[in-house]
Amino acid sequence: MTSRWSASEFEERLRAIGVERYHDKHPFHIRLHTGLLSQGQMQAWVLNRFYYQKSIPLKDASLIGRADDIALRREWISRIIDHDGGDVGQGGIERWLLLAEGVGLDRAYVASCEGVLPATRFACEAYVRFVRERSLLEAVASSLTELFAPELHRTRITALLEYYPFANEVTLSYFRNRLVEAPADVAFGLSYVLDHAQSREEQELCLRALRFKTDVLWAQLDALDYAYVAPGRIPVGAFVPLDRS
């Protein structure tokens, strides 16, 4: 029987997935962070990413609904509040809509999710389904892309302020808030996975779950790149930027 990795070795393997596979390395993100996106391409990213943002509370609610562990439920519910807000006009989804307005999109259009790429829908719905159907341990492990997100948010804030005229304290409030919210989520999620993966097999399942999540993120950017950069084939019914060449 293959022995269980130590906590430190297991954590190292989890973090190595981000070094190798996190979507900060995707060409679309590199274009975004070097000021190369047109306004229409930025709008397409914001619109499609909204579908991912709205999917996050759905997957978190399904995780909570399956958890017998009261400590897990108590901790995880904060993620829903972070995204949905404690009241109208609060939360990460609202802050993302402020970003959408900043890049020139209509709030109601974005919230309707009309114009979202089919591949975006498939990727996000696959993630929600994964969390609903797999073990709680795998579901929690899939959230650990948060380990890699703060550095991406810091890079993004700096790049957007440098290259894009819409960037200001209001439009970038989503990213600034995640710099505060994410560390607590990371600390709990990582600790849970390290403590509850009791065998090498369970550790391997966690690694596969995290790789799956990086694939979900990468697939969304692949779809954006294909539709709005090269070759620029926008599916029927998807958002068409006014500045499309």
Protein backbone atom coordinates (compact mmCIF):
# COMPACT_ATOMS: atom_id res chain seq x y z
CA MET A 1 0.00 0.00 0.00
CA THR A 2 1.34 3.44 -0.94
CA SER A 3 1.98 5.54 2.14
CA ARG A 4 0.29 8.84 2.86
CA TRP A 5 2.36 11.96 2.16
CA SER A 6 3.27 14.13 5.11
CA ALA A 7 1.23 17.31 5.50
CA SER A 8 4.11 19.44 4.25
CA GLU A 9 4.73 17.27 1.19
CA PHE A 10 1.02 17.14 0.40
CA GLU A 11 0.75 20.92 0.66
CA GLU A 12 3.78 21.30 -1.58
CA ARG A 13 2.11 19.13 -4.21
CA LEU A 14 -1.10 21.18 -3.99
CA ARG A 15 0.82 24.43 -4.43
CA ALA A 16 2.81 22.99 -7.34
CA ILE A 17 -0.43 22.67 -9.30
CA GLY A 18 -0.80 26.45 -9.18
CA VAL A 19 2.76 26.98 -10.35
CA GLU A 20 2.16 24.68 -13.30
CA ARG A 21 -1.51 25.16 -14.20
CA TYR A 22 -3.10 28.31 -12.73
CA HIS A 23 -4.77 30.53 -15.30
CA ASP A 24 -2.55 33.54 -14.63
CA LYS A 25 -0.31 31.95 -17.28
CA HIS A 26 -2.99 31.91 -19.97
CA PRO A 27 -2.28 34.12 -23.02
CA PHE A 28 -5.57 35.97 -22.53
CA HIS A 29 -4.59 36.96 -19.00
CA ILE A 30 -1.15 37.98 -20.19
CA ARG A 31 -2.80 40.26 -22.76
CA LEU A 32 -5.07 41.68 -20.07
CA HIS A 33 -2.19 42.38 -17.71
CA THR A 34 -0.02 44.02 -20.36
CA GLY A 35 -2.67 46.44 -21.58
CA LEU A 36 -3.31 44.69 -24.90
CA LEU A 37 -7.06 44.06 -24.62
CA SER A 38 -9.41 46.27 -26.61
CA GLN A 39 -12.47 47.64 -24.85
CA GLY A 40 -14.62 44.99 -26.51
CA GLN A 41 -12.31 42.19 -25.42
CA MET A 42 -12.35 43.55 -21.87
CA GLN A 43 -16.14 43.69 -21.97
CA ALA A 44 -16.28 40.09 -23.16
CA TRP A 45 -14.06 39.01 -20.27
CA VAL A 46 -16.11 40.90 -17.68
CA LEU A 47 -19.39 39.57 -19.07
CA ASN A 48 -18.26 35.95 -19.17
CA ARG A 49 -16.51 36.11 -15.83
CA PHE A 50 -19.78 37.32 -14.31
CA TYR A 51 -21.29 33.93 -15.12
CA TYR A 52 -18.51 32.31 -13.11
CA GLN A 53 -19.03 34.77 -10.22
CA LYS A 54 -22.76 34.01 -10.07
CA SER A 55 -22.02 30.27 -10.11
CA ILE A 56 -19.78 30.38 -7.04
CA PRO A 57 -22.56 30.85 -4.43
CA LEU A 58 -24.52 28.06 -6.10
CA LYS A 59 -21.68 25.58 -5.69
CA ASP A 60 -21.03 26.81 -2.13
CA ALA A 61 -24.69 26.41 -1.17
CA SER A 62 -24.70 22.87 -2.54
CA LEU A 63 -21.59 22.06 -0.53
CA ILE A 64 -23.17 23.38 2.67
CA GLY A 65 -26.37 21.45 1.97
CA ARG A 66 -24.45 18.17 1.98
CA ALA A 67 -22.25 18.85 5.02
CA ASP A 68 -23.03 17.19 8.36
CA ASP A 69 -20.04 18.94 9.89
CA ILE A 70 -21.40 22.04 11.64
CA ALA A 71 -17.94 23.63 11.78
CA LEU A 72 -17.64 23.31 8.02
CA ARG A 73 -21.09 24.81 7.45
CA ARG A 74 -20.40 27.66 9.87
CA GLU A 75 -17.17 28.51 8.11
CA TRP A 76 -18.31 28.00 4.54
CA ILE A 77 -21.44 30.17 4.73
CA SER A 78 -19.25 33.27 4.83
CA ARG A 79 -18.31 32.58 1.23
CA ILE A 80 -21.92 32.94 0.13
CA ILE A 81 -22.26 36.19 2.07
CA ASP A 82 -19.02 37.47 0.54
CA HIS A 83 -20.46 36.96 -2.95
CA ASP A 84 -24.17 37.67 -2.43
CA GLY A 85 -23.77 40.32 0.27
CA GLY A 86 -25.63 40.67 3.54
CA ASP A 87 -28.08 43.10 1.92
CA VAL A 88 -29.00 44.67 -1.40
CA GLY A 89 -26.09 46.58 -2.93
CA GLN A 90 -23.44 44.55 -1.13
CA GLY A 91 -21.20 41.61 -1.99
CA GLY A 92 -18.85 40.46 -4.69
CA ILE A 93 -21.51 40.01 -7.37
CA GLU A 94 -22.62 43.62 -6.89
CA ARG A 95 -19.02 44.80 -7.07
CA TRP A 96 -18.55 42.82 -10.28
CA LEU A 97 -21.57 44.59 -11.77
CA LEU A 98 -19.91 47.91 -10.89
CA LEU A 99 -16.90 46.73 -12.89
CA ALA A 100 -19.22 45.80 -15.77
CA GLU A 101 -20.74 49.28 -15.78
CA GLY A 102 -17.25 50.75 -15.68
CA VAL A 103 -16.23 48.97 -18.88
CA GLY A 104 -19.38 50.21 -20.63
CA LEU A 105 -21.74 47.25 -20.27
CA ASP A 106 -25.39 47.50 -19.32
CA ARG A 107 -25.94 46.10 -15.81
CA ALA A 108 -29.20 44.37 -16.70
CA TYR A 109 -27.66 42.75 -19.77
CA VAL A 110 -24.77 41.38 -17.76
CA ALA A 111 -27.04 40.12 -14.97
CA SER A 112 -29.25 38.36 -17.51
CA CYS A 113 -26.21 36.38 -18.74
CA GLU A 114 -27.41 36.76 -22.31
CA GLY A 115 -24.42 36.78 -24.59
CA VAL A 116 -22.29 34.50 -22.40
CA LEU A 117 -20.24 32.03 -24.41
CA PRO A 118 -21.54 28.44 -24.47
CA ALA A 119 -18.14 27.18 -23.29
CA THR A 120 -18.32 29.52 -20.28
CA ARG A 121 -21.66 28.04 -19.31
CA PHE A 122 -20.43 24.47 -19.77
CA ALA A 123 -17.28 25.07 -17.70
CA CYS A 124 -19.08 26.81 -14.83
CA GLU A 125 -21.90 24.31 -14.72
CA ALA A 126 -19.39 21.47 -14.74
CA TYR A 127 -17.81 23.00 -11.63
CA VAL A 128 -21.14 23.35 -9.82
CA ARG A 129 -21.97 19.75 -10.73
CA PHE A 130 -18.56 18.53 -9.55
CA VAL A 131 -19.13 20.06 -6.11
CA ARG A 132 -22.63 18.62 -5.90
CA GLU A 133 -21.65 15.10 -6.90
CA ARG A 134 -18.16 14.43 -5.57
CA SER A 135 -17.14 13.90 -1.96
CA LEU A 136 -17.02 16.87 0.40
CA LEU A 137 -13.26 16.47 0.60
CA GLU A 138 -12.93 16.75 -3.18
CA ALA A 139 -15.37 19.68 -3.22
CA VAL A 140 -13.32 21.58 -0.67
CA ALA A 141 -10.07 20.71 -2.45
CA SER A 142 -11.42 22.10 -5.72
CA SER A 143 -11.72 25.51 -4.04
CA LEU A 144 -7.98 25.69 -3.36
CA THR A 145 -7.27 27.73 -6.48
CA GLU A 146 -7.75 30.47 -3.87
CA LEU A 147 -4.20 29.67 -2.82
CA PHE A 148 -3.01 31.31 -6.01
CA ALA A 149 -5.59 34.08 -6.45
CA PRO A 150 -4.23 36.89 -4.21
CA GLU A 151 -1.08 37.33 -6.27
CA LEU A 152 -3.19 37.38 -9.43
CA HIS A 153 -5.48 40.04 -7.94
CA ARG A 154 -2.53 42.21 -6.94
CA THR A 155 -1.06 41.93 -10.43
CA ARG A 156 -4.45 42.69 -11.97
CA ILE A 157 -5.07 45.78 -9.86
CA THR A 158 -1.67 47.22 -10.78
CA ALA A 159 -2.12 46.42 -14.48
CA LEU A 160 -5.65 47.75 -14.76
CA LEU A 161 -4.71 51.02 -13.08
CA GLU A 162 -1.74 51.41 -15.39
CA TYR A 163 -3.33 50.53 -18.73
CA TYR A 164 -7.11 50.99 -18.65
CA PRO A 165 -8.97 54.30 -18.17
CA PHE A 166 -12.01 52.69 -16.53
CA ALA A 167 -9.94 51.51 -13.56
CA ASN A 168 -10.59 53.29 -10.25
CA GLU A 169 -11.43 52.50 -6.63
CA VAL A 170 -15.06 51.70 -7.48
CA THR A 171 -14.51 49.50 -10.51
CA LEU A 172 -11.66 47.59 -8.87
CA SER A 173 -13.43 47.11 -5.53
CA TYR A 174 -14.10 43.43 -6.24
CA PHE A 175 -10.40 42.64 -6.48
CA ARG A 176 -9.43 44.74 -3.46
CA ASN A 177 -12.05 43.03 -1.32
CA ARG A 178 -10.85 39.60 -2.38
CA LEU A 179 -7.39 40.47 -1.08
CA VAL A 180 -9.02 40.64 2.36
CA GLU A 181 -11.56 37.82 2.01
CA ALA A 182 -9.49 35.17 0.27
CA PRO A 183 -6.79 34.59 2.92
CA ALA A 184 -9.34 33.43 5.49
CA ASP A 185 -10.96 31.13 2.93
CA VAL A 186 -7.56 29.74 1.99
CA ALA A 187 -6.55 29.11 5.58
CA PHE A 188 -9.68 27.12 6.36
CA GLY A 189 -9.85 25.23 3.06
CA LEU A 190 -6.21 24.21 3.11
CA SER A 191 -6.35 23.15 6.75
CA TYR A 192 -9.49 21.10 6.08
CA VAL A 193 -7.92 19.25 3.15
CA LEU A 194 -4.64 18.59 4.94
CA ASP A 195 -6.48 17.24 8.00
CA HIS A 196 -9.20 15.20 6.28
CA ALA A 197 -7.23 13.50 3.52
CA GLN A 198 -6.40 10.47 5.62
CA SER A 199 -4.90 8.22 2.96
CA ARG A 200 -2.71 8.52 -0.11
CA GLU A 201 -5.77 7.74 -2.23
CA GLU A 202 -7.70 10.63 -0.71
CA GLN A 203 -4.73 12.93 -1.18
CA GLU A 204 -4.58 11.95 -4.85
CA LEU A 205 -8.30 12.69 -5.18
CA CYS A 206 -7.69 16.15 -3.78
CA LEU A 207 -4.91 16.79 -6.27
CA ARG A 208 -7.16 15.69 -9.12
CA ALA A 209 -9.96 17.93 -7.84
CA LEU A 210 -7.65 20.93 -7.81
CA ARG A 211 -6.39 20.13 -11.30
CA PHE A 212 -10.00 19.90 -12.45
CA LYS A 213 -10.68 23.38 -11.06
CA THR A 214 -7.66 24.82 -12.86
CA ASP A 215 -9.03 23.22 -16.05
CA VAL A 216 -12.37 24.96 -15.45
CA LEU A 217 -10.64 28.33 -15.19
CA TRP A 218 -8.36 27.67 -18.15
CA ALA A 219 -11.23 26.52 -20.38
CA GLN A 220 -13.07 29.79 -19.83
CA LEU A 221 -10.07 31.77 -21.05
CA ASP A 222 -9.57 29.41 -23.99
CA ALA A 223 -13.13 30.19 -25.08
CA LEU A 224 -12.61 33.95 -24.71
CA ASP A 225 -9.36 33.82 -26.63
CA TYR A 226 -10.89 31.82 -29.47
CA ALA A 227 -13.99 34.02 -29.76
CA TYR A 228 -12.52 37.47 -29.22
CA VAL A 229 -8.78 37.33 -30.04
CA ALA A 230 -7.87 34.66 -32.59
CA PRO A 231 -9.39 33.45 -34.79
CA GLY A 232 -12.22 35.63 -33.50
CA ARG A 233 -15.10 33.27 -34.15
CA ILE A 234 -17.95 34.44 -31.94
CA PRO A 235 -20.73 31.85 -31.56
CA VAL A 236 -24.24 32.75 -32.64
CA GLY A 237 -26.05 34.51 -29.81
CA ALA A 238 -22.89 35.49 -27.92
CA PHE A 239 -21.88 39.06 -27.12
CA VAL A 240 -20.50 40.98 -30.09
CA PRO A 241 -18.34 44.01 -29.16
CA LEU A 242 -18.96 47.29 -30.96
CA ASP A 243 -15.22 47.60 -31.69
CA ARG A 244 -14.98 44.18 -33.29
CA SER A 245 -12.63 44.45 -36.28
